[in-house]
N, C-alpha and C. Protein backbone atom coordinates (compact mmCIF):
# COMPACT_ATOMS: atom_id res chain seq x y z
N MET A 1 -83.90 11.90 -1.72
CA MET A 1 -84.75 12.40 -0.64
C MET A 1 -84.09 13.65 -0.05
N SER A 2 -84.86 14.63 0.17
CA SER A 2 -84.26 15.86 0.71
C SER A 2 -84.23 15.80 2.23
N ASP A 3 -83.45 16.72 2.79
CA ASP A 3 -83.26 16.77 4.24
C ASP A 3 -84.53 17.17 5.00
N TYR A 4 -85.39 17.96 4.36
CA TYR A 4 -86.57 18.46 5.07
C TYR A 4 -87.72 17.47 5.07
N TRP A 5 -87.65 16.36 4.34
CA TRP A 5 -88.69 15.35 4.30
C TRP A 5 -88.07 13.98 4.62
N PRO A 6 -88.06 13.63 5.90
CA PRO A 6 -87.33 12.41 6.33
C PRO A 6 -88.11 11.11 6.14
N TYR A 7 -89.20 11.15 5.37
CA TYR A 7 -90.02 9.93 5.24
C TYR A 7 -89.85 9.32 3.85
N ASP A 8 -90.06 8.03 3.76
CA ASP A 8 -89.99 7.31 2.49
C ASP A 8 -91.34 7.48 1.78
N GLU A 9 -91.42 8.36 0.81
CA GLU A 9 -92.70 8.66 0.17
C GLU A 9 -93.27 7.44 -0.53
N GLU A 10 -92.41 6.62 -1.11
CA GLU A 10 -92.90 5.45 -1.82
C GLU A 10 -93.61 4.48 -0.86
N ALA A 11 -93.04 4.33 0.33
CA ALA A 11 -93.67 3.45 1.34
C ALA A 11 -95.02 4.03 1.82
N ILE A 12 -95.07 5.34 1.96
CA ILE A 12 -96.30 6.00 2.38
C ILE A 12 -97.40 5.79 1.35
N TYR A 13 -97.07 5.96 0.09
CA TYR A 13 -98.05 5.76 -0.99
C TYR A 13 -98.47 4.30 -1.07
N GLN A 14 -97.54 3.38 -0.85
CA GLN A 14 -97.87 1.94 -0.90
C GLN A 14 -98.85 1.60 0.22
N ASP A 15 -98.60 2.13 1.42
CA ASP A 15 -99.51 1.89 2.54
C ASP A 15 -100.93 2.44 2.23
N ALA A 16 -100.94 3.64 1.65
CA ALA A 16 -102.24 4.24 1.29
C ALA A 16 -102.97 3.42 0.26
N ASP A 17 -102.24 2.90 -0.70
CA ASP A 17 -102.85 2.06 -1.75
C ASP A 17 -103.44 0.79 -1.13
N ILE A 18 -102.73 0.19 -0.21
CA ILE A 18 -103.22 -1.04 0.44
C ILE A 18 -104.48 -0.74 1.22
N LEU A 19 -104.48 0.36 1.99
CA LEU A 19 -105.71 0.73 2.75
C LEU A 19 -106.87 1.00 1.84
N GLN A 20 -106.62 1.72 0.75
CA GLN A 20 -107.68 2.03 -0.19
C GLN A 20 -108.30 0.75 -0.78
N ALA A 21 -107.45 -0.19 -1.11
CA ALA A 21 -107.92 -1.50 -1.67
C ALA A 21 -108.79 -2.21 -0.64
N GLN A 22 -108.39 -2.16 0.64
CA GLN A 22 -109.17 -2.83 1.70
C GLN A 22 -110.52 -2.15 1.84
N TYR A 23 -110.55 -0.81 1.84
CA TYR A 23 -111.81 -0.09 1.96
C TYR A 23 -112.74 -0.40 0.79
N GLU A 24 -112.20 -0.45 -0.41
CA GLU A 24 -113.01 -0.77 -1.59
C GLU A 24 -113.58 -2.16 -1.51
N MET A 25 -112.78 -3.13 -1.03
CA MET A 25 -113.28 -4.50 -0.89
C MET A 25 -114.43 -4.55 0.12
N GLU A 26 -114.27 -3.87 1.24
CA GLU A 26 -115.35 -3.87 2.23
C GLU A 26 -116.61 -3.21 1.67
N ALA A 27 -116.47 -2.15 0.93
CA ALA A 27 -117.62 -1.47 0.33
C ALA A 27 -118.34 -2.40 -0.64
N ARG A 28 -117.58 -3.15 -1.43
CA ARG A 28 -118.22 -4.12 -2.33
C ARG A 28 -118.96 -5.22 -1.57
N GLN A 29 -118.39 -5.68 -0.47
CA GLN A 29 -119.04 -6.70 0.35
C GLN A 29 -120.33 -6.13 0.96
N LEU A 30 -120.27 -4.92 1.48
CA LEU A 30 -121.48 -4.30 2.07
C LEU A 30 -122.57 -4.12 1.04
N SER A 31 -122.18 -3.66 -0.12
CA SER A 31 -123.15 -3.42 -1.18
C SER A 31 -123.81 -4.72 -1.63
N ALA A 32 -123.03 -5.76 -1.79
CA ALA A 32 -123.57 -7.03 -2.20
C ALA A 32 -124.53 -7.59 -1.15
N ALA A 33 -124.17 -7.45 0.10
CA ALA A 33 -125.05 -7.94 1.18
C ALA A 33 -126.37 -7.15 1.19
N ARG A 34 -126.31 -5.86 1.04
CA ARG A 34 -127.55 -5.05 1.02
C ARG A 34 -128.43 -5.45 -0.17
N ARG A 35 -127.80 -5.65 -1.33
CA ARG A 35 -128.59 -6.05 -2.51
C ARG A 35 -129.24 -7.40 -2.27
N ALA A 36 -128.61 -8.26 -1.48
CA ALA A 36 -129.19 -9.58 -1.16
C ALA A 36 -130.20 -9.49 -0.03
N GLY A 37 -130.39 -8.28 0.52
CA GLY A 37 -131.42 -8.09 1.56
C GLY A 37 -130.92 -8.36 2.97
N ARG A 38 -129.60 -8.52 3.16
CA ARG A 38 -129.06 -8.76 4.49
C ARG A 38 -128.72 -7.43 5.16
N CYS A 39 -129.31 -7.19 6.29
CA CYS A 39 -129.05 -5.96 7.05
C CYS A 39 -127.63 -5.95 7.59
N GLN A 40 -126.99 -4.83 7.50
CA GLN A 40 -125.62 -4.67 7.98
C GLN A 40 -125.59 -4.12 9.41
N HIS A 41 -126.72 -3.73 9.96
CA HIS A 41 -126.83 -3.16 11.31
C HIS A 41 -125.84 -1.99 11.48
N SER A 42 -125.74 -1.17 10.43
CA SER A 42 -124.77 -0.07 10.44
C SER A 42 -125.21 1.11 11.29
N SER A 43 -126.47 1.09 11.71
CA SER A 43 -126.98 2.18 12.53
C SER A 43 -127.86 1.63 13.62
N VAL A 44 -127.57 2.06 14.86
CA VAL A 44 -128.39 1.64 15.97
C VAL A 44 -128.71 2.82 16.88
N VAL A 45 -129.65 2.63 17.75
CA VAL A 45 -130.02 3.64 18.74
C VAL A 45 -130.10 2.93 20.09
N GLY A 46 -129.68 3.62 21.12
CA GLY A 46 -129.76 3.10 22.48
C GLY A 46 -130.45 4.09 23.39
N VAL A 47 -130.37 3.85 24.66
CA VAL A 47 -130.99 4.73 25.64
C VAL A 47 -129.97 5.79 26.05
N SER A 48 -130.35 7.04 26.04
CA SER A 48 -129.44 8.12 26.43
C SER A 48 -129.25 8.08 27.96
N ALA A 49 -128.21 8.77 28.43
CA ALA A 49 -127.92 8.82 29.85
C ALA A 49 -129.10 9.39 30.64
N SER A 50 -129.82 10.34 30.01
CA SER A 50 -130.97 10.96 30.69
C SER A 50 -132.23 10.08 30.61
N GLY A 51 -132.19 9.09 29.73
CA GLY A 51 -133.38 8.26 29.58
C GLY A 51 -134.43 8.87 28.67
N GLU A 52 -134.13 10.01 28.09
CA GLU A 52 -135.06 10.68 27.22
C GLU A 52 -135.25 9.89 25.92
N ILE A 53 -136.53 9.72 25.51
CA ILE A 53 -136.86 9.01 24.29
C ILE A 53 -137.00 10.02 23.15
N LEU A 54 -136.15 9.89 22.14
CA LEU A 54 -136.18 10.80 21.02
C LEU A 54 -136.66 10.10 19.74
N TYR A 55 -136.53 8.78 19.68
CA TYR A 55 -136.89 8.02 18.47
C TYR A 55 -137.78 6.84 18.86
N PRO A 56 -138.69 6.49 17.97
CA PRO A 56 -139.59 5.34 18.28
C PRO A 56 -138.83 4.07 18.56
N GLU A 57 -137.68 3.88 17.96
CA GLU A 57 -136.92 2.64 18.16
C GLU A 57 -136.38 2.55 19.59
N GLN A 58 -136.36 3.63 20.32
CA GLN A 58 -135.88 3.60 21.70
C GLN A 58 -136.92 3.06 22.70
N GLU A 59 -138.16 3.03 22.29
CA GLU A 59 -139.25 2.59 23.16
C GLU A 59 -138.96 1.18 23.68
N GLY A 60 -139.02 1.01 24.97
CA GLY A 60 -138.88 -0.31 25.60
C GLY A 60 -137.45 -0.77 25.78
N LEU A 61 -136.47 0.02 25.38
CA LEU A 61 -135.08 -0.36 25.55
C LEU A 61 -134.64 -0.18 26.98
N LYS A 62 -133.78 -1.09 27.44
CA LYS A 62 -133.15 -0.95 28.75
C LYS A 62 -131.75 -0.39 28.52
N ARG A 63 -131.15 0.16 29.55
CA ARG A 63 -129.80 0.71 29.45
C ARG A 63 -128.85 -0.38 28.96
N GLY A 64 -128.04 -0.04 27.97
CA GLY A 64 -127.07 -1.00 27.39
C GLY A 64 -127.60 -1.70 26.13
N GLN A 65 -128.90 -1.74 25.96
CA GLN A 65 -129.48 -2.34 24.78
C GLN A 65 -129.47 -1.35 23.63
N MET A 66 -129.44 -1.91 22.40
CA MET A 66 -129.50 -1.07 21.20
C MET A 66 -130.41 -1.75 20.20
N ARG A 67 -131.04 -0.95 19.37
CA ARG A 67 -131.93 -1.46 18.33
C ARG A 67 -131.45 -0.95 16.96
N CYS A 68 -131.45 -1.87 15.98
CA CYS A 68 -131.02 -1.51 14.65
C CYS A 68 -131.99 -0.51 14.04
N THR A 69 -131.46 0.51 13.40
CA THR A 69 -132.29 1.50 12.73
C THR A 69 -132.01 1.56 11.23
N GLU A 70 -131.26 0.60 10.73
CA GLU A 70 -130.95 0.61 9.29
C GLU A 70 -132.20 0.21 8.50
N HIS A 71 -132.97 -0.74 9.01
CA HIS A 71 -134.26 -1.14 8.46
C HIS A 71 -134.20 -1.90 7.13
N THR A 72 -133.02 -2.43 6.76
CA THR A 72 -132.97 -3.26 5.56
C THR A 72 -133.88 -4.45 5.75
N ASN A 73 -134.81 -4.64 4.85
CA ASN A 73 -135.83 -5.71 4.93
C ASN A 73 -136.59 -5.64 6.26
N GLY A 74 -136.82 -4.43 6.78
CA GLY A 74 -137.61 -4.24 7.98
C GLY A 74 -136.87 -4.56 9.27
N CYS A 75 -135.57 -4.65 9.24
CA CYS A 75 -134.78 -5.03 10.42
C CYS A 75 -134.99 -4.01 11.54
N ALA A 76 -135.22 -4.51 12.73
CA ALA A 76 -135.26 -3.72 13.96
C ALA A 76 -134.69 -4.57 15.09
N GLU A 77 -133.65 -5.33 14.75
CA GLU A 77 -133.05 -6.29 15.69
C GLU A 77 -132.61 -5.60 16.99
N LEU A 78 -132.78 -6.32 18.10
CA LEU A 78 -132.41 -5.84 19.39
C LEU A 78 -131.09 -6.47 19.77
N PHE A 79 -130.12 -5.65 20.21
CA PHE A 79 -128.82 -6.13 20.67
C PHE A 79 -128.72 -5.84 22.17
N GLU A 80 -128.28 -6.82 22.93
CA GLU A 80 -128.17 -6.67 24.37
C GLU A 80 -126.96 -5.87 24.82
N SER A 81 -125.95 -5.76 23.94
CA SER A 81 -124.74 -5.04 24.33
C SER A 81 -123.98 -4.59 23.09
N GLN A 82 -122.97 -3.75 23.31
CA GLN A 82 -122.09 -3.32 22.22
C GLN A 82 -121.41 -4.52 21.56
N GLU A 83 -121.01 -5.49 22.38
CA GLU A 83 -120.35 -6.68 21.85
C GLU A 83 -121.26 -7.47 20.94
N ASP A 84 -122.56 -7.59 21.30
CA ASP A 84 -123.52 -8.28 20.44
C ASP A 84 -123.70 -7.56 19.12
N TRP A 85 -123.74 -6.23 19.18
CA TRP A 85 -123.89 -5.45 17.95
C TRP A 85 -122.66 -5.61 17.08
N ASP A 86 -121.45 -5.56 17.66
CA ASP A 86 -120.22 -5.75 16.91
C ASP A 86 -120.18 -7.11 16.21
N ALA A 87 -120.59 -8.13 16.95
CA ALA A 87 -120.57 -9.49 16.40
C ALA A 87 -121.57 -9.61 15.25
N ALA A 88 -122.74 -8.97 15.37
CA ALA A 88 -123.72 -9.02 14.30
C ALA A 88 -123.25 -8.32 13.06
N ARG A 89 -122.56 -7.18 13.24
CA ARG A 89 -121.99 -6.45 12.09
C ARG A 89 -120.89 -7.27 11.42
N ASP A 90 -120.03 -7.91 12.22
CA ASP A 90 -118.99 -8.76 11.65
C ASP A 90 -119.60 -9.92 10.89
N GLU A 91 -120.62 -10.54 11.44
CA GLU A 91 -121.27 -11.66 10.78
C GLU A 91 -121.93 -11.20 9.46
N ALA A 92 -122.55 -10.06 9.46
CA ALA A 92 -123.17 -9.54 8.24
C ALA A 92 -122.16 -9.25 7.17
N LEU A 93 -120.96 -8.79 7.57
CA LEU A 93 -119.95 -8.42 6.59
C LEU A 93 -119.12 -9.62 6.17
N TYR A 94 -118.72 -10.41 7.08
CA TYR A 94 -117.76 -11.48 6.79
C TYR A 94 -118.36 -12.87 6.74
N GLY A 95 -119.61 -13.00 7.21
CA GLY A 95 -120.29 -14.30 7.16
C GLY A 95 -119.82 -15.18 8.16
């Protein structure tokens, strides 16, 4: 190792390989779930700070609520909070 590069390159590459493997595993899980018709809720819309309605999915939403816009199998699920949305995405991915 030279003086101008104080990092362990092998360890850096190993960490990158581990992360890449995790990303690939998640992508396979997402793809399998979509093929099975299970919505991943990967896209939602909520109410803007101004209250302006830009998308049909925003109609009838209260502040803090979000609606799924992924539409897998017609999904338009309503989430009451960010936490509810996070839980639904985790459930869709990890079961």
